[in-house]
Protein backbone atom coordinates (compact mmCIF):
# COMPACT_ATOMS: atom_id res chain seq x y z
CA MET A 1 0.00 0.00 0.00
CA LYS A 2 1.28 3.48 -0.88
CA ASN A 3 1.06 6.78 0.99
CA LEU A 4 -0.52 9.87 -0.54
CA THR A 5 -0.12 13.49 0.50
CA ILE A 6 -3.01 15.83 -0.28
CA THR A 7 -3.63 19.51 0.27
CA VAL A 8 -7.04 20.67 1.46
CA GLU A 9 -8.52 23.74 3.08
CA ASP A 10 -8.38 23.83 6.88
CA SER A 11 -12.17 23.72 7.10
CA VAL A 12 -12.29 20.60 4.89
CA LEU A 13 -9.71 18.83 7.04
CA GLU A 14 -11.60 19.76 10.20
CA TRP A 15 -14.81 18.33 8.72
CA ALA A 16 -12.97 15.17 7.54
CA ARG A 17 -11.53 14.55 11.02
CA ILE A 18 -14.95 14.92 12.65
CA GLU A 19 -16.62 12.73 10.02
CA ALA A 20 -13.94 10.05 10.31
CA ALA A 21 -14.33 10.01 14.11
CA ARG A 22 -18.10 9.77 13.74
CA ARG A 23 -17.65 6.77 11.45
CA GLY A 24 -15.03 5.18 13.68
CA THR A 25 -12.26 5.32 11.09
CA SER A 26 -9.33 7.52 10.08
CA VAL A 27 -9.24 10.32 7.54
CA SER A 28 -6.72 8.27 5.58
CA ARG A 29 -9.01 5.22 5.49
CA MET A 30 -12.02 7.37 4.61
CA VAL A 31 -10.22 8.99 1.68
CA GLY A 32 -8.89 5.61 0.50
CA ASP A 33 -12.38 4.07 0.69
CA PHE A 34 -13.81 7.04 -1.21
CA MET A 35 -11.25 6.64 -3.99
CA ALA A 36 -11.86 2.88 -4.22
CA GLU A 37 -15.61 3.50 -4.45
CA MET A 38 -15.08 6.03 -7.22
CA GLN A 39 -12.93 3.53 -9.11
CA GLN A 40 -15.66 0.86 -8.82
CA ARG A 41 -18.31 3.31 -10.04
CA GLU A 42 -16.21 4.32 -13.01
CA ASP A 43 -15.52 0.68 -13.89
CA ALA A 44 -19.23 -0.15 -13.59
CA TYR A 45 -20.12 2.87 -15.74
CA GLU A 46 -17.61 1.83 -18.40
CA ARG A 47 -19.01 -1.73 -18.46
CA ALA A 48 -22.59 -0.43 -18.69
CA TYR A 49 -21.64 2.00 -21.45
CA LEU A 50 -19.94 -0.71 -23.48
CA ALA A 51 -22.95 -3.01 -23.01
CA TRP A 52 -25.24 -0.20 -24.14
CA ARG A 53 -23.13 0.42 -27.24
CA THR A 54 -23.34 -3.27 -28.12
CA ASP A 55 -27.11 -3.36 -27.50
CA GLU A 56 -27.63 -0.19 -29.52
CA ARG A 57 -26.02 -1.75 -32.56
CA SER A 58 -28.24 -4.84 -32.34
CA TRP A 59 -31.27 -2.61 -31.77
CA GLN A 60 -30.44 -0.57 -34.88
CA ALA A 61 -30.06 -3.76 -36.89
CA GLN A 62 -33.48 -4.98 -35.68
CA GLY A 63 -35.02 -1.63 -36.57
CA LEU A 64 -33.50 -1.87 -40.04
CA GLU A 65 -34.99 -5.35 -40.48
CA LYS A 66 -38.43 -4.03 -39.48
CA SER A 67 -38.08 -1.11 -41.91
CA ILE A 68 -37.24 -3.51 -44.70
CA ALA A 69 -40.26 -5.69 -43.84
CA ARG A 70 -42.57 -2.66 -43.82
CA SER A 71 -41.28 -1.40 -47.15
CA ALA A 72 -42.05 -4.83 -48.63
CA ASN A 73 -45.76 -4.18 -47.86
CA PRO A 74 -46.62 -0.84 -49.57
CA ALA A 75 -50.11 -0.62 -48.01
CA ARG A 76 -48.69 -0.76 -44.49
CA ALA A 77 -45.81 1.54 -45.35
CA ALA A 78 -48.38 4.10 -46.54
CA GLY A 79 -50.26 3.72 -43.26
CA GLN A 80 -53.38 2.20 -44.79
CA ASN A 81 -55.62 -0.06 -42.71
CA ASP A 82 -56.04 -3.73 -43.47
CA LEU A 83 -59.84 -3.23 -43.70
CA LYS A 84 -61.76 -4.59 -46.62
CA PRO A 85 -63.68 -2.10 -48.77
CA GLY A 86 -67.04 -1.32 -47.21
CA ALA A 87 -66.05 -2.56 -43.72
CA ASP A 88 -66.82 -0.29 -40.77
CA ALA A 89 -63.94 1.02 -38.67
């Protein structure tokens, strides 16, 4: 494990010491836990983003297939109903 030196305002350090004491930990541990949590969130976000990008491509391909199927039926593509002439809507 490595050490890290940070510079913060006096009021921030005072708050951090009180908060760490309230949580029963040290400022060092609290900052380390915060950084680890941020890393996990970023990793989770990256995984979710990559999954979304993959899903988006498959979704676009499915939409393209539906567009092709609709264009094969000109009546549906024009928005006409499938009603027979003389049938009530």
